[in-house]
């Protein structure tokens, strides 16, 4: 699990706004787990039960959000 703010910090500055949208969309589409974290922010992780599907999408480079 990773805090939302730490996840966004891992992205280059010029893509951070877009990354925030992508993380929220991935959660809505069921690819991410979300739990409350510290400082009133959420912690995210990939859903293990969708790992094969995620791997296929990454391999095909068809991961559209």
PDB file of N, CA and C in Angstrom:
ATOM      1  N   UNK A   1       0.843  -1.175   0.000  1.00  0.00           N
ATOM      2  CA  UNK A   1       0.000   0.000   0.000  1.00  0.00           C
ATOM      3  C   UNK A   1       0.887   1.237   0.000  1.00  0.00           C
ATOM      4  N   UNK A   2       0.407   2.267  -0.671  1.00  0.00           N
ATOM      5  CA  UNK A   2       1.150   3.517  -0.741  1.00  0.00           C
ATOM      6  C   UNK A   2       0.171   4.681  -0.559  1.00  0.00           C
ATOM      7  N   UNK A   3       0.595   5.674   0.191  1.00  0.00           N
ATOM      8  CA  UNK A   3      -0.222   6.874   0.367  1.00  0.00           C
ATOM      9  C   UNK A   3      -0.385   7.579  -0.971  1.00  0.00           C
ATOM     10  N   UNK A   4      -1.539   8.168  -1.163  1.00  0.00           N
ATOM     11  CA  UNK A   4      -1.830   8.886  -2.399  1.00  0.00           C
ATOM     12  C   UNK A   4      -0.776   9.948  -2.684  1.00  0.00           C
ATOM     13  N   UNK A   5      -0.399  10.723  -1.681  1.00  0.00           N
ATOM     14  CA  UNK A   5       0.586  11.792  -1.894  1.00  0.00           C
ATOM     15  C   UNK A   5       1.945  11.227  -2.298  1.00  0.00           C
ATOM     16  N   UNK A   6       2.342  10.108  -1.716  1.00  0.00           N
ATOM     17  CA  UNK A   6       3.623   9.488  -2.077  1.00  0.00           C
ATOM     18  C   UNK A   6       3.571   8.912  -3.493  1.00  0.00           C
ATOM     19  N   UNK A   7       2.441   8.383  -3.858  1.00  0.00           N
ATOM     20  CA  UNK A   7       2.264   7.855  -5.212  1.00  0.00           C
ATOM     21  C   UNK A   7       2.405   8.975  -6.246  1.00  0.00           C
ATOM     22  N   UNK A   8       1.786  10.097  -5.982  1.00  0.00           N
ATOM     23  CA  UNK A   8       1.841  11.226  -6.909  1.00  0.00           C
ATOM     24  C   UNK A   8       3.253  11.815  -6.966  1.00  0.00           C
ATOM     25  N   UNK A   9       3.974  11.816  -5.854  1.00  0.00           N
ATOM     26  CA  UNK A   9       5.348  12.328  -5.840  1.00  0.00           C
ATOM     27  C   UNK A   9       6.275  11.508  -6.736  1.00  0.00           C
ATOM     28  N   UNK A  10       5.922  10.270  -6.991  1.00  0.00           N
ATOM     29  CA  UNK A  10       6.747   9.394  -7.823  1.00  0.00           C
ATOM     30  C   UNK A  10       6.611   9.724  -9.314  1.00  0.00           C
ATOM     31  N   UNK A  11       5.660  10.567  -9.652  1.00  0.00           N
ATOM     32  CA  UNK A  11       5.388  10.948 -11.036  1.00  0.00           C
ATOM     33  C   UNK A  11       6.066  12.292 -11.325  1.00  0.00           C
ATOM     34  N   UNK A  12       6.638  12.460 -12.514  1.00  0.00           N
ATOM     35  CA  UNK A  12       7.241  13.758 -12.857  1.00  0.00           C
ATOM     36  C   UNK A  12       6.239  14.901 -12.670  1.00  0.00           C
ATOM     37  N   UNK A  13       6.729  16.046 -12.238  1.00  0.00           N
ATOM     38  CA  UNK A  13       5.863  17.194 -11.914  1.00  0.00           C
ATOM     39  C   UNK A  13       4.881  17.552 -13.026  1.00  0.00           C
ATOM     40  N   UNK A  14       5.312  17.505 -14.256  1.00  0.00           N
ATOM     41  CA  UNK A  14       4.441  17.929 -15.344  1.00  0.00           C
ATOM     42  C   UNK A  14       3.327  16.922 -15.657  1.00  0.00           C
ATOM     43  N   UNK A  15       3.324  15.758 -14.994  1.00  0.00           N
ATOM     44  CA  UNK A  15       2.271  14.752 -15.196  1.00  0.00           C
ATOM     45  C   UNK A  15       1.442  14.508 -13.937  1.00  0.00           C
ATOM     46  N   UNK A  16       1.702  15.237 -12.878  1.00  0.00           N
ATOM     47  CA  UNK A  16       1.023  14.951 -11.601  1.00  0.00           C
ATOM     48  C   UNK A  16      -0.478  15.187 -11.629  1.00  0.00           C
ATOM     49  N   UNK A  17      -0.909  16.242 -12.291  1.00  0.00           N
ATOM     50  CA  UNK A  17      -2.352  16.504 -12.363  1.00  0.00           C
ATOM     51  C   UNK A  17      -3.066  15.349 -13.063  1.00  0.00           C
ATOM     52  N   UNK A  18      -2.484  14.893 -14.156  1.00  0.00           N
ATOM     53  CA  UNK A  18      -3.040  13.763 -14.902  1.00  0.00           C
ATOM     54  C   UNK A  18      -2.991  12.482 -14.066  1.00  0.00           C
ATOM     55  N   UNK A  19      -1.915  12.285 -13.313  1.00  0.00           N
ATOM     56  CA  UNK A  19      -1.769  11.084 -12.481  1.00  0.00           C
ATOM     57  C   UNK A  19      -2.859  11.009 -11.416  1.00  0.00           C
ATOM     58  N   UNK A  20      -3.232  12.139 -10.861  1.00  0.00           N
ATOM     59  CA  UNK A  20      -4.300  12.160  -9.856  1.00  0.00           C
ATOM     60  C   UNK A  20      -5.605  11.656 -10.453  1.00  0.00           C
ATOM     61  N   UNK A  21      -5.897  12.067 -11.659  1.00  0.00           N
ATOM     62  CA  UNK A  21      -7.116  11.634 -12.351  1.00  0.00           C
ATOM     63  C   UNK A  21      -7.050  10.139 -12.646  1.00  0.00           C
ATOM     64  N   UNK A  22      -5.892   9.676 -13.118  1.00  0.00           N
ATOM     65  CA  UNK A  22      -5.718   8.270 -13.472  1.00  0.00           C
ATOM     66  C   UNK A  22      -5.901   7.365 -12.253  1.00  0.00           C
ATOM     67  N   UNK A  23      -5.314   7.728 -11.129  1.00  0.00           N
ATOM     68  CA  UNK A  23      -5.450   6.911  -9.917  1.00  0.00           C
ATOM     69  C   UNK A  23      -6.915   6.798  -9.523  1.00  0.00           C
ATOM     70  N   UNK A  24      -7.634   7.895  -9.562  1.00  0.00           N
ATOM     71  CA  UNK A  24      -9.055   7.866  -9.199  1.00  0.00           C
ATOM     72  C   UNK A  24      -9.870   7.015 -10.183  1.00  0.00           C
ATOM     73  N   UNK A  25      -9.533   7.089 -11.465  1.00  0.00           N
ATOM     74  CA  UNK A  25     -10.225   6.279 -12.467  1.00  0.00           C
ATOM     75  C   UNK A  25      -9.914   4.791 -12.301  1.00  0.00           C
ATOM     76  N   UNK A  26      -8.664   4.468 -12.021  1.00  0.00           N
ATOM     77  CA  UNK A  26      -8.296   3.062 -11.801  1.00  0.00           C
ATOM     78  C   UNK A  26      -9.046   2.485 -10.604  1.00  0.00           C
ATOM     79  N   UNK A  27      -9.236   3.293  -9.585  1.00  0.00           N
ATOM     80  CA  UNK A  27     -10.009   2.844  -8.422  1.00  0.00           C
ATOM     81  C   UNK A  27     -11.471   2.614  -8.834  1.00  0.00           C
ATOM     82  N   UNK A  28     -12.047   3.558  -9.563  1.00  0.00           N
ATOM     83  CA  UNK A  28     -13.442   3.422  -9.992  1.00  0.00           C
ATOM     84  C   UNK A  28     -13.654   2.193 -10.862  1.00  0.00           C
ATOM     85  N   UNK A  29     -12.660   1.851 -11.697  1.00  0.00           N
ATOM     86  CA  UNK A  29     -12.762   0.696 -12.596  1.00  0.00           C
ATOM     87  C   UNK A  29     -12.410  -0.621 -11.909  1.00  0.00           C
ATOM     88  N   UNK A  30     -12.037  -0.565 -10.627  1.00  0.00           N
ATOM     89  CA  UNK A  30     -11.817  -1.785  -9.868  1.00  0.00           C
ATOM     90  C   UNK A  30     -10.422  -2.375  -9.928  1.00  0.00           C
ATOM     91  N   UNK A  31      -9.426  -1.604 -10.359  1.00  0.00           N
ATOM     92  CA  UNK A  31      -8.059  -2.112 -10.436  1.00  0.00           C
ATOM     93  C   UNK A  31      -7.265  -1.859  -9.147  1.00  0.00           C
ATOM     94  N   UNK A  32      -7.769  -0.980  -8.296  1.00  0.00           N
ATOM     95  CA  UNK A  32      -7.043  -0.614  -7.074  1.00  0.00           C
ATOM     96  C   UNK A  32      -7.895  -0.834  -5.836  1.00  0.00           C
ATOM     97  N   UNK A  33      -7.228  -1.218  -4.755  1.00  0.00           N
ATOM     98  CA  UNK A  33      -7.834  -1.220  -3.431  1.00  0.00           C
ATOM     99  C   UNK A  33      -7.567   0.142  -2.817  1.00  0.00           C
ATOM    100  N   UNK A  34      -8.448   0.572  -1.927  1.00  0.00           N
ATOM    101  CA  UNK A  34      -8.248   1.848  -1.260  1.00  0.00           C
ATOM    102  C   UNK A  34      -8.648   1.706   0.205  1.00  0.00           C
ATOM    103  N   UNK A  35      -7.779   2.171   1.090  1.00  0.00           N
ATOM    104  CA  UNK A  35      -8.040   2.148   2.527  1.00  0.00           C
ATOM    105  C   UNK A  35      -7.684   3.503   3.108  1.00  0.00           C
ATOM    106  N   UNK A  36      -8.371   3.885   4.188  1.00  0.00           N
ATOM    107  CA  UNK A  36      -8.008   5.154   4.833  1.00  0.00           C
ATOM    108  C   UNK A  36      -6.582   5.084   5.365  1.00  0.00           C
ATOM    109  N   UNK A  37      -5.872   6.163   5.225  1.00  0.00           N
ATOM    110  CA  UNK A  37      -4.499   6.248   5.730  1.00  0.00           C
ATOM    111  C   UNK A  37      -4.386   7.359   6.748  1.00  0.00           C
ATOM    112  N   UNK A  38      -3.170   7.773   6.976  1.00  0.00           N
ATOM    113  CA  UNK A  38      -2.948   8.863   7.918  1.00  0.00           C
ATOM    114  C   UNK A  38      -3.157  10.206   7.216  1.00  0.00           C
ATOM    115  N   UNK A  39      -3.308  11.240   7.958  1.00  0.00           N
ATOM    116  CA  UNK A  39      -3.505  12.605   7.448  1.00  0.00           C
ATOM    117  C   UNK A  39      -4.698  12.717   6.509  1.00  0.00           C
ATOM    118  N   UNK A  40      -5.725  11.940   6.772  1.00  0.00           N
ATOM    119  CA  UNK A  40      -6.970  11.994   5.991  1.00  0.00           C
ATOM    120  C   UNK A  40      -6.765  11.761   4.497  1.00  0.00           C
ATOM    121  N   UNK A  41      -5.794  10.934   4.127  1.00  0.00           N
ATOM    122  CA  UNK A  41      -5.624  10.570   2.735  1.00  0.00           C
ATOM    123  C   UNK A  41      -5.730   9.054   2.595  1.00  0.00           C
ATOM    124  N   UNK A  42      -6.005   8.604   1.393  1.00  0.00           N
ATOM    125  CA  UNK A  42      -6.171   7.179   1.151  1.00  0.00           C
ATOM    126  C   UNK A  42      -4.846   6.526   0.786  1.00  0.00           C
ATOM    127  N   UNK A  43      -4.788   5.206   1.051  1.00  0.00           N
ATOM    128  CA  UNK A  43      -3.653   4.373   0.652  1.00  0.00           C
ATOM    129  C   UNK A  43      -4.160   3.438  -0.438  1.00  0.00           C
ATOM    130  N   UNK A  44      -3.356   3.246  -1.471  1.00  0.00           N
ATOM    131  CA  UNK A  44      -3.762   2.439  -2.627  1.00  0.00           C
ATOM    132  C   UNK A  44      -2.837   1.253  -2.835  1.00  0.00           C
ATOM    133  N   UNK A  45      -3.403   0.190  -3.407  1.00  0.00           N
ATOM    134  CA  UNK A  45      -2.621  -0.965  -3.846  1.00  0.00           C
ATOM    135  C   UNK A  45      -3.375  -1.623  -4.995  1.00  0.00           C
ATOM    136  N   UNK A  46      -2.648  -2.379  -5.815  1.00  0.00           N
ATOM    137  CA  UNK A  46      -3.294  -3.108  -6.908  1.00  0.00           C
ATOM    138  C   UNK A  46      -4.109  -4.258  -6.343  1.00  0.00           C
ATOM    139  N   UNK A  47      -5.219  -4.559  -6.966  1.00  0.00           N
ATOM    140  CA  UNK A  47      -6.035  -5.695  -6.542  1.00  0.00           C
ATOM    141  C   UNK A  47      -5.381  -6.973  -7.051  1.00  0.00           C
ATOM    142  N   UNK A  48      -5.007  -7.827  -6.153  1.00  0.00           N
ATOM    143  CA  UNK A  48      -4.296  -9.061  -6.494  1.00  0.00           C
ATOM    144  C   UNK A  48      -5.162  -9.972  -7.367  1.00  0.00           C
ATOM    145  N   UNK A  49      -6.463  -9.957  -7.163  1.00  0.00           N
ATOM    146  CA  UNK A  49      -7.344 -10.822  -7.949  1.00  0.00           C
ATOM    147  C   UNK A  49      -7.441 -10.376  -9.406  1.00  0.00           C
ATOM    148  N   UNK A  50      -6.980  -9.191  -9.734  1.00  0.00           N
ATOM    149  CA  UNK A  50      -6.988  -8.694 -11.116  1.00  0.00           C
ATOM    150  C   UNK A  50      -5.582  -8.617 -11.701  1.00  0.00           C
ATOM    151  N   UNK A  51      -4.611  -9.254 -11.031  1.00  0.00           N
ATOM    152  CA  UNK A  51      -3.213  -9.181 -11.446  1.00  0.00           C
ATOM    153  C   UNK A  51      -3.010  -9.689 -12.869  1.00  0.00           C
ATOM    154  N   UNK A  52      -3.582 -10.830 -13.203  1.00  0.00           N
ATOM    155  CA  UNK A  52      -3.403 -11.382 -14.550  1.00  0.00           C
ATOM    156  C   UNK A  52      -3.946 -10.425 -15.609  1.00  0.00           C
ATOM    157  N   UNK A  53      -5.092  -9.858 -15.341  1.00  0.00           N
ATOM    158  CA  UNK A  53      -5.706  -8.909 -16.272  1.00  0.00           C
ATOM    159  C   UNK A  53      -4.839  -7.650 -16.408  1.00  0.00           C
ATOM    160  N   UNK A  54      -4.333  -7.145 -15.297  1.00  0.00           N
ATOM    161  CA  UNK A  54      -3.472  -5.962 -15.304  1.00  0.00           C
ATOM    162  C   UNK A  54      -2.190  -6.250 -16.071  1.00  0.00           C
ATOM    163  N   UNK A  55      -1.585  -7.405 -15.818  1.00  0.00           N
ATOM    164  CA  UNK A  55      -0.358  -7.791 -16.533  1.00  0.00           C
ATOM    165  C   UNK A  55      -0.592  -7.854 -18.041  1.00  0.00           C
ATOM    166  N   UNK A  56      -1.719  -8.430 -18.457  1.00  0.00           N
ATOM    167  CA  UNK A  56      -2.040  -8.512 -19.881  1.00  0.00           C
ATOM    168  C   UNK A  56      -2.215  -7.134 -20.502  1.00  0.00           C
ATOM    169  N   UNK A  57      -2.901  -6.263 -19.812  1.00  0.00           N
ATOM    170  CA  UNK A  57      -3.124  -4.916 -20.322  1.00  0.00           C
ATOM    171  C   UNK A  57      -1.817  -4.143 -20.455  1.00  0.00           C
ATOM    172  N   UNK A  58      -0.924  -4.308 -19.486  1.00  0.00           N
ATOM    173  CA  UNK A  58       0.375  -3.636 -19.551  1.00  0.00           C
ATOM    174  C   UNK A  58       1.198  -4.199 -20.691  1.00  0.00           C
ATOM    175  N   UNK A  59       1.205  -5.520 -20.823  1.00  0.00           N
ATOM    176  CA  UNK A  59       1.980  -6.172 -21.874  1.00  0.00           C
ATOM    177  C   UNK A  59       1.504  -5.734 -23.268  1.00  0.00           C
ATOM    178  N   UNK A  60       0.193  -5.617 -23.439  1.00  0.00           N
ATOM    179  CA  UNK A  60      -0.365  -5.209 -24.724  1.00  0.00           C
ATOM    180  C   UNK A  60      -0.300  -3.702 -24.916  1.00  0.00           C
ATOM    181  N   UNK A  61       0.044  -2.968 -23.871  1.00  0.00           N
ATOM    182  CA  UNK A  61       0.086  -1.502 -23.891  1.00  0.00           C
ATOM    183  C   UNK A  61      -1.281  -0.937 -24.290  1.00  0.00           C
ATOM    184  N   UNK A  62      -2.330  -1.553 -23.736  1.00  0.00           N
ATOM    185  CA  UNK A  62      -3.685  -1.110 -24.029  1.00  0.00           C
ATOM    186  C   UNK A  62      -4.406  -0.676 -22.772  1.00  0.00           C
ATOM    187  N   UNK A  63      -3.669  -0.192 -21.820  1.00  0.00           N
ATOM    188  CA  UNK A  63      -4.241   0.189 -20.531  1.00  0.00           C
ATOM    189  C   UNK A  63      -4.817   1.602 -20.635  1.00  0.00           C
ATOM    190  N   UNK A  64      -6.035   1.685 -21.125  1.00  0.00           N
ATOM    191  CA  UNK A  64      -6.705   2.977 -21.280  1.00  0.00           C
ATOM    192  C   UNK A  64      -7.630   3.215 -20.102  1.00  0.00           C
ATOM    193  N   UNK A  65      -7.520   4.378 -19.559  1.00  0.00           N
ATOM    194  CA  UNK A  65      -8.368   4.741 -18.413  1.00  0.00           C
ATOM    195  C   UNK A  65      -9.463   5.657 -18.868  1.00  0.00           C
TER     196      UNK A  65
END
